[in-house]
Amino acid sequence: MRVLVVDDSDVYRYALCSVVAETSGFEVVADASSGREALALIGSLAVQLVLLDVCMPELDGIETARLLRGQYPDVAVLLLTAGRRAGEDDSALLPIEDKRDISPRLLADFWRRQGQDAVK
């Protein structure tokens, strides 16, 4: 599972990369600090999953997710936030998880719900 981690916080980006690295069958192929950077990177990486922060300056995670899904419909996107807020569940039917709860098990379960097998 090739993963792109996108978060404007260095601390969360590092933590998310660590969780991905600890998840069997998953690997971080790149990380980005903005939606624009993610859009520039994704085409050359053969990414299968994007972990994407909802709240980022300039191009937020929800708009980035819409652009990613439009250009790369086979890429799974998991939106992350440091606490859910009212109205965020209306984000183009993409799942939103609290990034403080991300774990190897959550990632593997998310991937299984996408109809994929994370461990090969």
N, C-alpha and C. Protein backbone atom coordinates (compact mmCIF):
# COMPACT_ATOMS: atom_id res chain seq x y z
N MET A 1 0.84 -1.17 0.00
CA MET A 1 0.00 0.00 0.00
C MET A 1 0.89 1.23 0.00
N ARG A 2 0.82 2.00 -1.04
CA ARG A 2 1.65 3.22 -1.20
C ARG A 2 0.85 4.42 -0.70
N VAL A 3 1.39 5.12 0.30
CA VAL A 3 0.65 6.17 1.01
C VAL A 3 1.34 7.52 0.87
N LEU A 4 0.53 8.54 0.61
CA LEU A 4 0.96 9.93 0.65
C LEU A 4 0.34 10.56 1.88
N VAL A 5 1.17 11.15 2.74
CA VAL A 5 0.71 11.80 3.97
C VAL A 5 0.75 13.31 3.75
N VAL A 6 -0.39 13.98 4.00
CA VAL A 6 -0.49 15.42 3.76
C VAL A 6 -1.02 16.11 5.02
N ASP A 7 -0.17 16.95 5.62
CA ASP A 7 -0.57 17.69 6.82
C ASP A 7 0.35 18.90 6.94
N ASP A 8 -0.21 20.06 7.24
CA ASP A 8 0.61 21.27 7.38
C ASP A 8 1.38 21.31 8.69
N SER A 9 1.06 20.45 9.63
CA SER A 9 1.77 20.39 10.91
C SER A 9 2.92 19.38 10.80
N ASP A 10 4.13 19.85 11.05
CA ASP A 10 5.29 18.95 11.04
C ASP A 10 5.11 17.82 12.04
N VAL A 11 4.58 18.13 13.20
CA VAL A 11 4.41 17.13 14.27
C VAL A 11 3.44 16.04 13.83
N TYR A 12 2.26 16.43 13.34
CA TYR A 12 1.29 15.43 12.91
C TYR A 12 1.78 14.67 11.68
N ARG A 13 2.45 15.34 10.76
CA ARG A 13 2.96 14.67 9.56
C ARG A 13 3.95 13.58 9.97
N TYR A 14 4.84 13.90 10.88
CA TYR A 14 5.81 12.91 11.38
C TYR A 14 5.09 11.75 12.07
N ALA A 15 4.12 12.07 12.92
CA ALA A 15 3.38 11.03 13.64
C ALA A 15 2.62 10.13 12.68
N LEU A 16 1.96 10.72 11.68
CA LEU A 16 1.22 9.93 10.71
C LEU A 16 2.15 9.04 9.89
N CYS A 17 3.30 9.57 9.49
CA CYS A 17 4.28 8.76 8.76
C CYS A 17 4.74 7.59 9.61
N SER A 18 4.92 7.82 10.90
CA SER A 18 5.34 6.75 11.81
C SER A 18 4.29 5.66 11.91
N VAL A 19 3.03 6.04 12.02
CA VAL A 19 1.95 5.05 12.09
C VAL A 19 1.88 4.25 10.80
N VAL A 20 1.99 4.91 9.67
CA VAL A 20 1.96 4.20 8.39
C VAL A 20 3.12 3.20 8.33
N ALA A 21 4.30 3.63 8.73
CA ALA A 21 5.48 2.75 8.70
C ALA A 21 5.31 1.53 9.60
N GLU A 22 4.53 1.67 10.68
CA GLU A 22 4.27 0.56 11.60
C GLU A 22 3.16 -0.36 11.12
N THR A 23 2.46 0.00 10.06
CA THR A 23 1.33 -0.78 9.57
C THR A 23 1.81 -1.77 8.52
N SER A 24 1.60 -3.04 8.78
CA SER A 24 2.04 -4.09 7.87
C SER A 24 1.43 -3.90 6.48
N GLY A 25 2.29 -3.93 5.47
CA GLY A 25 1.82 -3.80 4.09
C GLY A 25 1.68 -2.37 3.60
N PHE A 26 1.96 -1.39 4.45
CA PHE A 26 1.84 0.02 4.09
C PHE A 26 3.22 0.67 4.06
N GLU A 27 3.42 1.62 3.15
CA GLU A 27 4.66 2.39 3.12
C GLU A 27 4.37 3.83 2.72
N VAL A 28 5.05 4.75 3.35
CA VAL A 28 4.96 6.16 2.99
C VAL A 28 5.87 6.36 1.78
N VAL A 29 5.29 6.81 0.67
CA VAL A 29 6.11 7.08 -0.51
C VAL A 29 6.48 8.55 -0.59
N ALA A 30 5.72 9.40 0.12
CA ALA A 30 6.03 10.83 0.19
C ALA A 30 5.14 11.47 1.24
N ASP A 31 5.56 12.66 1.67
CA ASP A 31 4.71 13.46 2.53
C ASP A 31 4.73 14.88 1.99
N ALA A 32 3.65 15.59 2.27
CA ALA A 32 3.49 16.96 1.77
C ALA A 32 2.93 17.82 2.88
N SER A 33 3.23 19.12 2.81
CA SER A 33 2.77 20.03 3.85
C SER A 33 1.59 20.89 3.39
N SER A 34 1.11 20.66 2.16
CA SER A 34 -0.03 21.44 1.67
C SER A 34 -0.78 20.65 0.59
N GLY A 35 -2.00 21.08 0.34
CA GLY A 35 -2.79 20.47 -0.71
C GLY A 35 -2.15 20.66 -2.08
N ARG A 36 -1.63 21.84 -2.32
CA ARG A 36 -0.97 22.11 -3.61
C ARG A 36 0.25 21.21 -3.81
N GLU A 37 1.03 21.02 -2.76
CA GLU A 37 2.18 20.13 -2.85
C GLU A 37 1.74 18.70 -3.13
N ALA A 38 0.68 18.26 -2.47
CA ALA A 38 0.16 16.90 -2.69
C ALA A 38 -0.27 16.72 -4.14
N LEU A 39 -0.99 17.69 -4.68
CA LEU A 39 -1.44 17.60 -6.07
C LEU A 39 -0.26 17.56 -7.04
N ALA A 40 0.81 18.27 -6.72
CA ALA A 40 1.99 18.26 -7.58
C ALA A 40 2.73 16.93 -7.52
N LEU A 41 2.71 16.27 -6.36
CA LEU A 41 3.45 15.02 -6.16
C LEU A 41 2.73 13.77 -6.65
N ILE A 42 1.44 13.72 -6.50
CA ILE A 42 0.72 12.45 -6.61
C ILE A 42 0.84 11.77 -7.97
N GLY A 43 0.91 12.53 -9.03
CA GLY A 43 0.95 11.95 -10.36
C GLY A 43 2.16 11.08 -10.63
N SER A 44 3.26 11.34 -9.97
CA SER A 44 4.49 10.59 -10.23
C SER A 44 4.76 9.49 -9.20
N LEU A 45 3.84 9.23 -8.29
CA LEU A 45 4.13 8.34 -7.17
C LEU A 45 3.37 7.01 -7.15
N ALA A 46 2.39 6.81 -7.99
CA ALA A 46 1.57 5.59 -7.96
C ALA A 46 0.98 5.37 -6.56
N VAL A 47 0.43 6.43 -6.00
CA VAL A 47 -0.16 6.40 -4.65
C VAL A 47 -1.48 5.64 -4.69
N GLN A 48 -1.72 4.86 -3.63
CA GLN A 48 -2.99 4.14 -3.49
C GLN A 48 -3.88 4.74 -2.41
N LEU A 49 -3.27 5.41 -1.44
CA LEU A 49 -4.00 5.99 -0.32
C LEU A 49 -3.39 7.34 0.04
N VAL A 50 -4.25 8.33 0.27
CA VAL A 50 -3.81 9.65 0.73
C VAL A 50 -4.43 9.90 2.10
N LEU A 51 -3.57 10.15 3.08
CA LEU A 51 -4.02 10.61 4.40
C LEU A 51 -3.93 12.12 4.36
N LEU A 52 -5.06 12.79 4.53
CA LEU A 52 -5.16 14.21 4.19
C LEU A 52 -5.79 15.02 5.31
N ASP A 53 -5.04 15.97 5.85
CA ASP A 53 -5.54 16.87 6.89
C ASP A 53 -6.67 17.74 6.32
N VAL A 54 -7.74 17.89 7.08
CA VAL A 54 -8.87 18.70 6.64
C VAL A 54 -8.53 20.19 6.67
N CYS A 55 -7.90 20.64 7.76
CA CYS A 55 -7.67 22.07 7.97
C CYS A 55 -6.24 22.46 7.58
N MET A 56 -6.11 23.02 6.39
CA MET A 56 -4.82 23.51 5.92
C MET A 56 -5.03 24.87 5.27
N PRO A 57 -4.02 25.73 5.32
CA PRO A 57 -4.17 27.04 4.67
C PRO A 57 -4.18 26.91 3.15
N GLU A 58 -4.65 27.94 2.49
CA GLU A 58 -4.74 28.05 1.04
C GLU A 58 -5.73 27.05 0.44
N LEU A 59 -5.34 25.80 0.31
CA LEU A 59 -6.19 24.76 -0.27
C LEU A 59 -6.47 23.73 0.82
N ASP A 60 -7.69 23.77 1.38
CA ASP A 60 -7.97 22.88 2.51
C ASP A 60 -8.09 21.42 2.05
N GLY A 61 -8.16 20.52 3.02
CA GLY A 61 -8.21 19.10 2.72
C GLY A 61 -9.42 18.66 1.95
N ILE A 62 -10.56 19.26 2.21
CA ILE A 62 -11.78 18.86 1.51
C ILE A 62 -11.68 19.21 0.04
N GLU A 63 -11.23 20.41 -0.28
CA GLU A 63 -11.07 20.79 -1.69
C GLU A 63 -9.96 19.98 -2.34
N THR A 64 -8.88 19.75 -1.63
CA THR A 64 -7.81 18.91 -2.16
C THR A 64 -8.33 17.51 -2.47
N ALA A 65 -9.12 16.95 -1.56
CA ALA A 65 -9.71 15.62 -1.77
C ALA A 65 -10.59 15.60 -3.02
N ARG A 66 -11.39 16.63 -3.21
CA ARG A 66 -12.24 16.68 -4.41
C ARG A 66 -11.40 16.71 -5.68
N LEU A 67 -10.34 17.49 -5.67
CA LEU A 67 -9.46 17.56 -6.84
C LEU A 67 -8.74 16.23 -7.07
N LEU A 68 -8.25 15.62 -5.99
CA LEU A 68 -7.58 14.32 -6.11
C LEU A 68 -8.52 13.27 -6.67
N ARG A 69 -9.72 13.20 -6.11
CA ARG A 69 -10.69 12.19 -6.55
C ARG A 69 -11.11 12.42 -8.00
N GLY A 70 -11.17 13.67 -8.43
CA GLY A 70 -11.51 13.97 -9.81
C GLY A 70 -10.43 13.53 -10.78
N GLN A 71 -9.17 13.71 -10.40
CA GLN A 71 -8.04 13.35 -11.27
C GLN A 71 -7.61 11.89 -11.11
N TYR A 72 -7.77 11.34 -9.92
CA TYR A 72 -7.30 10.00 -9.61
C TYR A 72 -8.40 9.23 -8.87
N PRO A 73 -9.46 8.82 -9.57
CA PRO A 73 -10.61 8.20 -8.90
C PRO A 73 -10.32 6.88 -8.20
N ASP A 74 -9.23 6.21 -8.55
CA ASP A 74 -8.89 4.94 -7.91
C ASP A 74 -8.08 5.11 -6.63
N VAL A 75 -7.68 6.33 -6.32
CA VAL A 75 -6.91 6.59 -5.10
C VAL A 75 -7.88 6.78 -3.94
N ALA A 76 -7.65 6.03 -2.87
CA ALA A 76 -8.48 6.17 -1.66
C ALA A 76 -7.99 7.39 -0.88
N VAL A 77 -8.94 8.14 -0.31
CA VAL A 77 -8.61 9.33 0.46
C VAL A 77 -9.25 9.19 1.84
N LEU A 78 -8.44 9.39 2.87
CA LEU A 78 -8.94 9.42 4.24
C LEU A 78 -8.65 10.80 4.80
N LEU A 79 -9.71 11.57 5.04
CA LEU A 79 -9.56 12.90 5.62
C LEU A 79 -9.34 12.79 7.13
N LEU A 80 -8.46 13.64 7.63
CA LEU A 80 -8.11 13.62 9.05
C LEU A 80 -8.27 15.00 9.66
N THR A 81 -8.71 15.03 10.90
CA THR A 81 -8.84 16.29 11.62
C THR A 81 -8.44 16.06 13.07
N ALA A 82 -8.08 17.11 13.74
CA ALA A 82 -7.72 17.01 15.17
C ALA A 82 -8.94 17.25 16.03
N GLY A 83 -10.06 16.80 15.61
CA GLY A 83 -11.32 16.95 16.33
C GLY A 83 -12.42 17.29 15.35
N ARG A 84 -13.43 16.47 15.32
CA ARG A 84 -14.53 16.70 14.38
C ARG A 84 -15.31 17.94 14.75
N ARG A 85 -15.77 18.63 13.72
CA ARG A 85 -16.63 19.80 13.92
C ARG A 85 -17.91 19.60 13.12
N ALA A 86 -18.96 20.24 13.55
CA ALA A 86 -20.24 20.13 12.86
C ALA A 86 -20.08 20.52 11.40
N GLY A 87 -20.69 19.75 10.53
CA GLY A 87 -20.67 20.06 9.11
C GLY A 87 -19.57 19.38 8.34
N GLU A 88 -18.53 18.89 9.01
CA GLU A 88 -17.42 18.26 8.29
C GLU A 88 -17.80 16.90 7.71
N ASP A 89 -18.84 16.28 8.24
CA ASP A 89 -19.25 14.98 7.71
C ASP A 89 -19.92 15.11 6.35
N ASP A 90 -20.16 16.33 5.87
CA ASP A 90 -20.78 16.55 4.57
C ASP A 90 -19.74 16.70 3.46
N SER A 91 -18.55 16.22 3.65
CA SER A 91 -17.43 16.47 2.74
C SER A 91 -17.38 15.46 1.59
N ALA A 92 -18.32 15.55 0.70
CA ALA A 92 -18.32 14.71 -0.49
C ALA A 92 -18.32 13.23 -0.15
N LEU A 93 -18.94 12.87 0.97
CA LEU A 93 -19.09 11.49 1.40
C LEU A 93 -17.76 10.78 1.65
N LEU A 94 -16.69 11.53 1.84
CA LEU A 94 -15.42 10.93 2.19
C LEU A 94 -15.34 10.79 3.70
N PRO A 95 -14.75 9.69 4.16
CA PRO A 95 -14.65 9.50 5.62
C PRO A 95 -13.71 10.51 6.26
N ILE A 96 -14.06 10.93 7.47
CA ILE A 96 -13.21 11.81 8.26
C ILE A 96 -12.95 11.12 9.59
N GLU A 97 -11.67 11.00 9.93
CA GLU A 97 -11.26 10.40 11.20
C GLU A 97 -10.49 11.43 12.01
N ASP A 98 -10.53 11.27 13.31
CA ASP A 98 -9.74 12.11 14.19
C ASP A 98 -8.30 11.61 14.11
N LYS A 99 -7.37 12.47 13.68
CA LYS A 99 -6.00 12.01 13.47
C LYS A 99 -5.32 11.58 14.76
N ARG A 100 -5.87 11.99 15.89
CA ARG A 100 -5.32 11.54 17.17
C ARG A 100 -5.62 10.07 17.42
N ASP A 101 -6.57 9.50 16.65
CA ASP A 101 -6.96 8.09 16.81
C ASP A 101 -6.32 7.17 15.77
N ILE A 102 -5.51 7.71 14.88
CA ILE A 102 -4.93 6.90 13.82
C ILE A 102 -4.01 5.85 14.41
N SER A 103 -4.18 4.63 13.94
CA SER A 103 -3.36 3.51 14.41
C SER A 103 -3.19 2.54 13.24
N PRO A 104 -2.24 1.62 13.36
CA PRO A 104 -2.11 0.61 12.30
C PRO A 104 -3.42 -0.15 12.07
N ARG A 105 -4.13 -0.46 13.13
CA ARG A 105 -5.39 -1.20 12.98
C ARG A 105 -6.43 -0.36 12.24
N LEU A 106 -6.55 0.93 12.57
CA LEU A 106 -7.51 1.79 11.89
C LEU A 106 -7.19 1.86 10.39
N LEU A 107 -5.90 2.00 10.04
CA LEU A 107 -5.53 2.06 8.62
C LEU A 107 -5.88 0.77 7.90
N ALA A 108 -5.53 -0.37 8.50
CA ALA A 108 -5.84 -1.66 7.88
C ALA A 108 -7.34 -1.85 7.74
N ASP A 109 -8.11 -1.49 8.76
CA ASP A 109 -9.57 -1.60 8.70
C ASP A 109 -10.15 -0.68 7.62
N PHE A 110 -9.64 0.54 7.54
CA PHE A 110 -10.10 1.46 6.49
C PHE A 110 -9.85 0.86 5.11
N TRP A 111 -8.67 0.32 4.90
CA TRP A 111 -8.33 -0.25 3.60
C TRP A 111 -9.23 -1.44 3.27
N ARG A 112 -9.51 -2.27 4.26
CA ARG A 112 -10.43 -3.41 4.04
C ARG A 112 -11.82 -2.92 3.66
N ARG A 113 -12.27 -1.84 4.30
CA ARG A 113 -13.59 -1.29 3.96
C ARG A 113 -13.63 -0.74 2.54
N GLN A 114 -12.46 -0.43 1.99
CA GLN A 114 -12.38 0.05 0.61
C GLN A 114 -12.44 -1.12 -0.37
N GLY A 115 -12.51 -2.35 0.18
CA GLY A 115 -12.56 -3.52 -0.68
C GLY A 115 -11.20 -4.00 -1.11
N GLN A 116 -10.18 -3.63 -0.36
CA GLN A 116 -8.81 -4.00 -0.70
C GLN A 116 -8.24 -4.88 0.41
N ASP A 117 -7.16 -5.55 0.10
CA ASP A 117 -6.43 -6.35 1.09
C ASP A 117 -5.09 -5.67 1.32
N ALA A 118 -4.90 -5.10 2.52
CA ALA A 118 -3.69 -4.34 2.81
C ALA A 118 -2.47 -5.25 2.95
N VAL A 119 -2.64 -6.44 3.41
CA VAL A 119 -1.50 -7.31 3.64
C VAL A 119 -1.42 -8.32 2.51
N LYS A 120 -0.29 -8.33 1.83
CA LYS A 120 -0.13 -9.25 0.69
C LYS A 120 1.02 -10.17 0.97
